[in-house]
Amino acid sequence: MTGPIWSVAFSPDGRTLAATTDDGVAGLWNLNVDAAIRRICKSSAGALSRQQWKRHIPQLPYTPPRPGG
Protein backbone atom coordinates (compact mmCIF):
# COMPACT_ATOMS: atom_id res chain seq x y z
CA MET A 1 0.00 0.00 0.00
CA THR A 2 1.46 3.32 -0.98
CA GLY A 3 -1.45 5.76 -1.07
CA PRO A 4 -3.17 7.50 1.82
CA ILE A 5 -5.28 5.17 3.95
CA TRP A 6 -8.98 5.71 3.38
CA SER A 7 -10.49 3.29 5.87
CA VAL A 8 -9.46 0.61 8.37
CA ALA A 9 -11.38 -2.13 10.16
CA PHE A 10 -10.63 -4.99 12.52
CA SER A 11 -12.06 -8.44 11.97
CA PRO A 12 -14.66 -9.50 14.55
CA ASP A 13 -12.09 -11.70 16.33
CA GLY A 14 -9.51 -8.85 16.38
CA ARG A 15 -6.84 -10.96 14.66
CA THR A 16 -6.85 -9.19 11.30
CA LEU A 17 -6.67 -5.54 10.29
CA ALA A 18 -7.98 -4.51 6.88
CA ALA A 19 -7.23 -1.18 5.23
CA THR A 20 -8.00 0.46 1.91
CA THR A 21 -6.37 3.39 0.18
CA ASP A 22 -8.17 6.21 -1.57
CA ASP A 23 -7.30 4.55 -4.91
CA GLY A 24 -9.01 1.26 -3.93
CA VAL A 25 -6.00 -0.85 -2.95
CA ALA A 26 -6.76 -3.15 -0.03
CA GLY A 27 -4.40 -4.77 2.45
CA LEU A 28 -4.80 -7.30 5.24
CA TRP A 29 -2.50 -7.72 8.25
CA ASN A 30 -2.44 -10.71 10.55
CA LEU A 31 -2.29 -9.34 14.11
CA ASN A 32 -1.58 -12.68 15.78
CA VAL A 33 1.50 -12.04 17.94
CA ASP A 34 2.76 -15.64 17.86
CA ALA A 35 2.50 -15.74 14.05
CA ALA A 36 4.40 -12.44 13.84
CA ILE A 37 7.18 -13.73 16.09
CA ARG A 38 7.55 -16.88 13.98
CA ARG A 39 7.62 -14.84 10.74
CA ILE A 40 10.21 -12.38 12.08
CA CYS A 41 12.43 -15.12 13.48
CA LYS A 42 12.24 -17.13 10.26
CA SER A 43 13.14 -14.16 8.07
CA SER A 44 15.90 -12.79 10.33
CA ALA A 45 17.66 -16.01 11.39
CA GLY A 46 21.39 -15.61 10.83
CA ALA A 47 21.09 -11.88 10.15
CA LEU A 48 23.54 -10.91 12.90
CA SER A 49 26.75 -12.71 13.73
CA ARG A 50 27.97 -12.77 17.33
CA GLN A 51 30.42 -9.96 16.48
CA GLN A 52 27.72 -7.80 14.85
CA TRP A 53 25.41 -8.40 17.80
CA LYS A 54 28.14 -7.30 20.23
CA ARG A 55 28.81 -4.16 18.17
CA HIS A 56 25.16 -3.08 17.75
CA ILE A 57 23.47 -4.29 20.93
CA PRO A 58 26.18 -4.99 23.51
CA GLN A 59 23.81 -4.45 26.43
CA LEU A 60 21.94 -7.68 25.59
CA PRO A 61 23.24 -11.26 25.65
CA TYR A 62 23.67 -12.89 22.25
CA THR A 63 20.38 -14.64 21.47
CA PRO A 64 19.95 -14.69 17.70
CA PRO A 65 16.53 -15.51 16.19
CA ARG A 66 15.98 -19.20 15.50
CA PRO A 67 14.64 -20.31 12.10
CA GLY A 68 11.61 -21.96 13.71
CA GLY A 69 10.73 -18.99 15.92
PDB file of N, CA and C in Angstrom:
ATOM      1  N   MET A   1       0.855  -1.173   0.000  1.00  0.00           N
ATOM      2  CA  MET A   1       0.000   0.000   0.000  1.00  0.00           C
ATOM      3  C   MET A   1       0.898   1.232   0.000  1.00  0.00           C
ATOM      4  N   THR A   2       0.632   2.122  -0.905  1.00  0.00           N
ATOM      5  CA  THR A   2       1.459   3.322  -0.977  1.00  0.00           C
ATOM      6  C   THR A   2       0.652   4.609  -0.871  1.00  0.00           C
ATOM      7  N   GLY A   3      -0.637   4.551  -1.129  1.00  0.00           N
ATOM      8  CA  GLY A   3      -1.451   5.761  -1.068  1.00  0.00           C
ATOM      9  C   GLY A   3      -1.948   6.035   0.332  1.00  0.00           C
ATOM     10  N   PRO A   4      -2.584   7.176   0.519  1.00  0.00           N
ATOM     11  CA  PRO A   4      -3.166   7.503   1.818  1.00  0.00           C
ATOM     12  C   PRO A   4      -4.239   6.478   2.205  1.00  0.00           C
ATOM     13  N   ILE A   5      -4.285   6.125   3.458  1.00  0.00           N
ATOM     14  CA  ILE A   5      -5.278   5.170   3.949  1.00  0.00           C
ATOM     15  C   ILE A   5      -6.643   5.848   4.005  1.00  0.00           C
ATOM     16  N   TRP A   6      -7.622   5.172   3.428  1.00  0.00           N
ATOM     17  CA  TRP A   6      -8.978   5.712   3.381  1.00  0.00           C
ATOM     18  C   TRP A   6      -9.821   5.180   4.528  1.00  0.00           C
ATOM     19  N   SER A   7      -9.713   3.870   4.777  1.00  0.00           N
ATOM     20  CA  SER A   7     -10.485   3.292   5.873  1.00  0.00           C
ATOM     21  C   SER A   7      -9.761   2.074   6.441  1.00  0.00           C
ATOM     22  N   VAL A   8     -10.025   1.784   7.705  1.00  0.00           N
ATOM     23  CA  VAL A   8      -9.461   0.609   8.372  1.00  0.00           C
ATOM     24  C   VAL A   8     -10.564  -0.070   9.175  1.00  0.00           C
ATOM     25  N   ALA A   9     -10.409  -1.384   9.353  1.00  0.00           N
ATOM     26  CA  ALA A   9     -11.376  -2.130  10.157  1.00  0.00           C
ATOM     27  C   ALA A   9     -10.703  -3.379  10.706  1.00  0.00           C
ATOM     28  N   PHE A  10     -11.089  -3.746  11.918  1.00  0.00           N
ATOM     29  CA  PHE A  10     -10.630  -4.986  12.524  1.00  0.00           C
ATOM     30  C   PHE A  10     -11.647  -6.073  12.236  1.00  0.00           C
ATOM     31  N   SER A  11     -11.153  -7.301  12.100  1.00  0.00           N
ATOM     32  CA  SER A  11     -12.063  -8.436  11.970  1.00  0.00           C
ATOM     33  C   SER A  11     -12.793  -8.616  13.304  1.00  0.00           C
ATOM     34  N   PRO A  12     -13.924  -9.312  13.300  1.00  0.00           N
ATOM     35  CA  PRO A  12     -14.657  -9.498  14.553  1.00  0.00           C
ATOM     36  C   PRO A  12     -13.834 -10.152  15.665  1.00  0.00           C
ATOM     37  N   ASP A  13     -12.899 -11.048  15.293  1.00  0.00           N
ATOM     38  CA  ASP A  13     -12.085 -11.696  16.325  1.00  0.00           C
ATOM     39  C   ASP A  13     -10.861 -10.879  16.715  1.00  0.00           C
ATOM     40  N   GLY A  14     -10.629  -9.732  16.053  1.00  0.00           N
ATOM     41  CA  GLY A  14      -9.512  -8.853  16.382  1.00  0.00           C
ATOM     42  C   GLY A  14      -8.155  -9.340  15.910  1.00  0.00           C
ATOM     43  N   ARG A  15      -8.117 -10.390  15.101  1.00  0.00           N
ATOM     44  CA  ARG A  15      -6.836 -10.956  14.660  1.00  0.00           C
ATOM     45  C   ARG A  15      -6.370 -10.439  13.308  1.00  0.00           C
ATOM     46  N   THR A  16      -7.215  -9.697  12.615  1.00  0.00           N
ATOM     47  CA  THR A  16      -6.855  -9.187  11.295  1.00  0.00           C
ATOM     48  C   THR A  16      -7.255  -7.726  11.189  1.00  0.00           C
ATOM     49  N   LEU A  17      -6.380  -6.946  10.569  1.00  0.00           N
ATOM     50  CA  LEU A  17      -6.673  -5.545  10.292  1.00  0.00           C
ATOM     51  C   LEU A  17      -6.758  -5.388   8.781  1.00  0.00           C
ATOM     52  N   ALA A  18      -7.818  -4.774   8.303  1.00  0.00           N
ATOM     53  CA  ALA A  18      -7.984  -4.506   6.878  1.00  0.00           C
ATOM     54  C   ALA A  18      -7.917  -3.000   6.664  1.00  0.00           C
ATOM     55  N   ALA A  19      -7.304  -2.605   5.564  1.00  0.00           N
ATOM     56  CA  ALA A  19      -7.226  -1.177   5.230  1.00  0.00           C
ATOM     57  C   ALA A  19      -7.358  -1.003   3.735  1.00  0.00           C
ATOM     58  N   THR A  20      -7.915   0.114   3.323  1.00  0.00           N
ATOM     59  CA  THR A  20      -7.996   0.455   1.905  1.00  0.00           C
ATOM     60  C   THR A  20      -7.447   1.858   1.712  1.00  0.00           C
ATOM     61  N   THR A  21      -6.874   2.065   0.523  1.00  0.00           N
ATOM     62  CA  THR A  21      -6.368   3.395   0.183  1.00  0.00           C
ATOM     63  C   THR A  21      -7.417   4.135  -0.619  1.00  0.00           C
ATOM     64  N   ASP A  22      -7.194   5.416  -0.826  1.00  0.00           N
ATOM     65  CA  ASP A  22      -8.168   6.206  -1.573  1.00  0.00           C
ATOM     66  C   ASP A  22      -8.237   5.795  -3.044  1.00  0.00           C
ATOM     67  N   ASP A  23      -7.239   5.028  -3.534  1.00  0.00           N
ATOM     68  CA  ASP A  23      -7.298   4.545  -4.915  1.00  0.00           C
ATOM     69  C   ASP A  23      -7.805   3.097  -5.009  1.00  0.00           C
ATOM     70  N   GLY A  24      -8.365   2.566  -3.918  1.00  0.00           N
ATOM     71  CA  GLY A  24      -9.006   1.263  -3.934  1.00  0.00           C
ATOM     72  C   GLY A  24      -8.132   0.067  -3.648  1.00  0.00           C
ATOM     73  N   VAL A  25      -6.874   0.272  -3.284  1.00  0.00           N
ATOM     74  CA  VAL A  25      -5.996  -0.848  -2.953  1.00  0.00           C
ATOM     75  C   VAL A  25      -6.310  -1.294  -1.528  1.00  0.00           C
ATOM     76  N   ALA A  26      -6.448  -2.610  -1.348  1.00  0.00           N
ATOM     77  CA  ALA A  26      -6.764  -3.149  -0.026  1.00  0.00           C
ATOM     78  C   ALA A  26      -5.596  -3.961   0.500  1.00  0.00           C
ATOM     79  N   GLY A  27      -5.441  -3.975   1.806  1.00  0.00           N
ATOM     80  CA  GLY A  27      -4.401  -4.766   2.449  1.00  0.00           C
ATOM     81  C   GLY A  27      -4.948  -5.407   3.707  1.00  0.00           C
ATOM     82  N   LEU A  28      -4.425  -6.592   4.030  1.00  0.00           N
ATOM     83  CA  LEU A  28      -4.796  -7.303   5.241  1.00  0.00           C
ATOM     84  C   LEU A  28      -3.550  -7.583   6.056  1.00  0.00           C
ATOM     85  N   TRP A  29      -3.620  -7.442   7.361  1.00  0.00           N
ATOM     86  CA  TRP A  29      -2.501  -7.724   8.249  1.00  0.00           C
ATOM     87  C   TRP A  29      -2.952  -8.677   9.335  1.00  0.00           C
ATOM     88  N   ASN A  30      -2.196  -9.747   9.487  1.00  0.00           N
ATOM     89  CA  ASN A  30      -2.439 -10.713  10.553  1.00  0.00           C
ATOM     90  C   ASN A  30      -1.883 -10.113  11.840  1.00  0.00           C
ATOM     91  N   LEU A  31      -2.703  -9.956  12.852  1.00  0.00           N
ATOM     92  CA  LEU A  31      -2.287  -9.342  14.110  1.00  0.00           C
ATOM     93  C   LEU A  31      -1.971 -10.361  15.192  1.00  0.00           C
ATOM     94  N   ASN A  32      -1.905 -11.626  14.828  1.00  0.00           N
ATOM     95  CA  ASN A  32      -1.581 -12.680  15.783  1.00  0.00           C
ATOM     96  C   ASN A  32      -0.118 -12.543  16.178  1.00  0.00           C
ATOM     97  N   VAL A  33       0.147 -12.299  17.452  1.00  0.00           N
ATOM     98  CA  VAL A  33       1.502 -12.037  17.939  1.00  0.00           C
ATOM     99  C   VAL A  33       2.412 -13.243  17.723  1.00  0.00           C
ATOM    100  N   ASP A  34       1.933 -14.446  18.032  1.00  0.00           N
ATOM    101  CA  ASP A  34       2.763 -15.642  17.861  1.00  0.00           C
ATOM    102  C   ASP A  34       3.149 -15.847  16.400  1.00  0.00           C
ATOM    103  N   ALA A  35       2.208 -15.611  15.486  1.00  0.00           N
ATOM    104  CA  ALA A  35       2.501 -15.743  14.054  1.00  0.00           C
ATOM    105  C   ALA A  35       3.538 -14.697  13.631  1.00  0.00           C
ATOM    106  N   ALA A  36       3.431 -13.493  14.168  1.00  0.00           N
ATOM    107  CA  ALA A  36       4.395 -12.439  13.836  1.00  0.00           C
ATOM    108  C   ALA A  36       5.791 -12.796  14.334  1.00  0.00           C
ATOM    109  N   ILE A  37       5.875 -13.332  15.544  1.00  0.00           N
ATOM    110  CA  ILE A  37       7.176 -13.725  16.094  1.00  0.00           C
ATOM    111  C   ILE A  37       7.809 -14.803  15.222  1.00  0.00           C
ATOM    112  N   ARG A  38       7.020 -15.816  14.837  1.00  0.00           N
ATOM    113  CA  ARG A  38       7.548 -16.883  13.976  1.00  0.00           C
ATOM    114  C   ARG A  38       8.038 -16.327  12.642  1.00  0.00           C
ATOM    115  N   ARG A  39       7.251 -15.425  12.035  1.00  0.00           N
ATOM    116  CA  ARG A  39       7.621 -14.842  10.739  1.00  0.00           C
ATOM    117  C   ARG A  39       8.903 -14.010  10.857  1.00  0.00           C
ATOM    118  N   ILE A  40       9.020 -13.219  11.892  1.00  0.00           N
ATOM    119  CA  ILE A  40      10.207 -12.383  12.084  1.00  0.00           C
ATOM    120  C   ILE A  40      11.430 -13.243  12.340  1.00  0.00           C
ATOM    121  N   CYS A  41      11.298 -14.243  13.188  1.00  0.00           N
ATOM    122  CA  CYS A  41      12.434 -15.125  13.484  1.00  0.00           C
ATOM    123  C   CYS A  41      12.871 -15.885  12.237  1.00  0.00           C
ATOM    124  N   LYS A  42      11.915 -16.372  11.475  1.00  0.00           N
ATOM    125  CA  LYS A  42      12.244 -17.127  10.260  1.00  0.00           C
ATOM    126  C   LYS A  42      12.986 -16.251   9.256  1.00  0.00           C
ATOM    127  N   SER A  43      12.536 -15.018   9.086  1.00  0.00           N
ATOM    128  CA  SER A  43      13.141 -14.159   8.071  1.00  0.00           C
ATOM    129  C   SER A  43      14.437 -13.485   8.533  1.00  0.00           C
ATOM    130  N   SER A  44      14.700 -13.472   9.849  1.00  0.00           N
ATOM    131  CA  SER A  44      15.902 -12.793  10.331  1.00  0.00           C
ATOM    132  C   SER A  44      16.953 -13.743  10.899  1.00  0.00           C
ATOM    133  N   ALA A  45      16.690 -15.034  10.862  1.00  0.00           N
ATOM    134  CA  ALA A  45      17.661 -16.007  11.385  1.00  0.00           C
ATOM    135  C   ALA A  45      18.987 -15.851  10.657  1.00  0.00           C
ATOM    136  N   GLY A  46      20.060 -15.750  11.417  1.00  0.00           N
ATOM    137  CA  GLY A  46      21.391 -15.605  10.828  1.00  0.00           C
ATOM    138  C   GLY A  46      21.732 -14.200  10.365  1.00  0.00           C
ATOM    139  N   ALA A  47      20.853 -13.240  10.630  1.00  0.00           N
ATOM    140  CA  ALA A  47      21.087 -11.876  10.150  1.00  0.00           C
ATOM    141  C   ALA A  47      22.245 -11.193  10.870  1.00  0.00           C
ATOM    142  N   LEU A  48      22.451 -11.523  12.143  1.00  0.00           N
ATOM    143  CA  LEU A  48      23.536 -10.907  12.899  1.00  0.00           C
ATOM    144  C   LEU A  48      24.477 -11.978  13.438  1.00  0.00           C
ATOM    145  N   SER A  49      25.741 -11.821  13.147  1.00  0.00           N
ATOM    146  CA  SER A  49      26.745 -12.713  13.732  1.00  0.00           C
ATOM    147  C   SER A  49      26.957 -12.296  15.186  1.00  0.00           C
ATOM    148  N   ARG A  50      27.665 -13.108  15.930  1.00  0.00           N
ATOM    149  CA  ARG A  50      27.967 -12.772  17.327  1.00  0.00           C
ATOM    150  C   ARG A  50      28.713 -11.438  17.395  1.00  0.00           C
ATOM    151  N   GLN A  51      29.647 -11.205  16.482  1.00  0.00           N
ATOM    152  CA  GLN A  51      30.424  -9.958  16.484  1.00  0.00           C
ATOM    153  C   GLN A  51      29.529  -8.759  16.158  1.00  0.00           C
ATOM    154  N   GLN A  52      28.632  -8.897  15.184  1.00  0.00           N
ATOM    155  CA  GLN A  52      27.722  -7.799  14.848  1.00  0.00           C
ATOM    156  C   GLN A  52      26.790  -7.499  16.020  1.00  0.00           C
ATOM    157  N   TRP A  53      26.296  -8.559  16.640  1.00  0.00           N
ATOM    158  CA  TRP A  53      25.414  -8.396  17.804  1.00  0.00           C
ATOM    159  C   TRP A  53      26.138  -7.586  18.880  1.00  0.00           C
ATOM    160  N   LYS A  54      27.368  -7.981  19.187  1.00  0.00           N
ATOM    161  CA  LYS A  54      28.140  -7.303  20.231  1.00  0.00           C
ATOM    162  C   LYS A  54      28.372  -5.829  19.882  1.00  0.00           C
ATOM    163  N   ARG A  55      28.575  -5.540  18.598  1.00  0.00           N
ATOM    164  CA  ARG A  55      28.811  -4.164  18.168  1.00  0.00           C
ATOM    165  C   ARG A  55      27.541  -3.319  18.248  1.00  0.00           C
ATOM    166  N   HIS A  56      26.394  -3.870  17.850  1.00  0.00           N
ATOM    167  CA  HIS A  56      25.162  -3.084  17.749  1.00  0.00           C
ATOM    168  C   HIS A  56      24.294  -3.102  18.997  1.00  0.00           C
ATOM    169  N   ILE A  57      24.293  -4.214  19.720  1.00  0.00           N
ATOM    170  CA  ILE A  57      23.471  -4.294  20.933  1.00  0.00           C
ATOM    171  C   ILE A  57      24.241  -4.984  22.060  1.00  0.00           C
ATOM    172  N   PRO A  58      25.333  -4.368  22.493  1.00  0.00           N
ATOM    173  CA  PRO A  58      26.185  -4.986  23.512  1.00  0.00           C
ATOM    174  C   PRO A  58      25.517  -5.138  24.879  1.00  0.00           C
ATOM    175  N   GLN A  59      24.473  -4.395  25.127  1.00  0.00           N
ATOM    176  CA  GLN A  59      23.814  -4.454  26.431  1.00  0.00           C
ATOM    177  C   GLN A  59      22.961  -5.710  26.604  1.00  0.00           C
ATOM    178  N   LEU A  60      22.733  -6.464  25.519  1.00  0.00           N
ATOM    179  CA  LEU A  60      21.937  -7.684  25.594  1.00  0.00           C
ATOM    180  C   LEU A  60      22.786  -8.902  25.302  1.00  0.00           C
ATOM    181  N   PRO A  61      22.499 -10.023  25.961  1.00  0.00           N
ATOM    182  CA  PRO A  61      23.239 -11.259  25.650  1.00  0.00           C
ATOM    183  C   PRO A  61      22.908 -11.734  24.241  1.00  0.00           C
ATOM    184  N   TYR A  62      23.848 -12.404  23.624  1.00  0.00           N
ATOM    185  CA  TYR A  62      23.675 -12.895  22.252  1.00  0.00           C
ATOM    186  C   TYR A  62      22.613 -13.986  22.221  1.00  0.00           C
ATOM    187  N   THR A  63      21.480 -13.682  21.637  1.00  0.00           N
ATOM    188  CA  THR A  63      20.383 -14.639  21.467  1.00  0.00           C
ATOM    189  C   THR A  63      19.773 -14.425  20.090  1.00  0.00           C
ATOM    190  N   PRO A  64      20.440 -14.925  19.050  1.00  0.00           N
ATOM    191  CA  PRO A  64      19.950 -14.695  17.700  1.00  0.00           C
ATOM    192  C   PRO A  64      18.612 -15.398  17.451  1.00  0.00           C
ATOM    193  N   PRO A  65      17.805 -14.865  16.531  1.00  0.00           N
ATOM    194  CA  PRO A  65      16.529 -15.515  16.194  1.00  0.00           C
ATOM    195  C   PRO A  65      16.781 -16.918  15.654  1.00  0.00           C
ATOM    196  N   ARG A  66      15.889 -17.823  16.005  1.00  0.00           N
ATOM    197  CA  ARG A  66      15.979 -19.195  15.499  1.00  0.00           C
ATOM    198  C   ARG A  66      15.089 -19.331  14.284  1.00  0.00           C
ATOM    199  N   PRO A  67      15.464 -20.140  13.304  1.00  0.00           N
ATOM    200  CA  PRO A  67      14.645 -20.307  12.097  1.00  0.00           C
ATOM    201  C   PRO A  67      13.208 -20.715  12.387  1.00  0.00           C
ATOM    202  N   GLY A  68      12.968 -21.502  13.411  1.00  0.00           N
ATOM    203  CA  GLY A  68      11.614 -21.957  13.714  1.00  0.00           C
ATOM    204  C   GLY A  68      10.824 -21.030  14.602  1.00  0.00           C
ATOM    205  N   GLY A  69      11.430 -19.937  15.057  1.00  0.00           N
ATOM    206  CA  GLY A  69      10.734 -18.995  15.916  1.00  0.00           C
ATOM    207  C   GLY A  69      10.748 -19.346  17.371  1.00  0.00           C
TER     208      GLY A  69
END
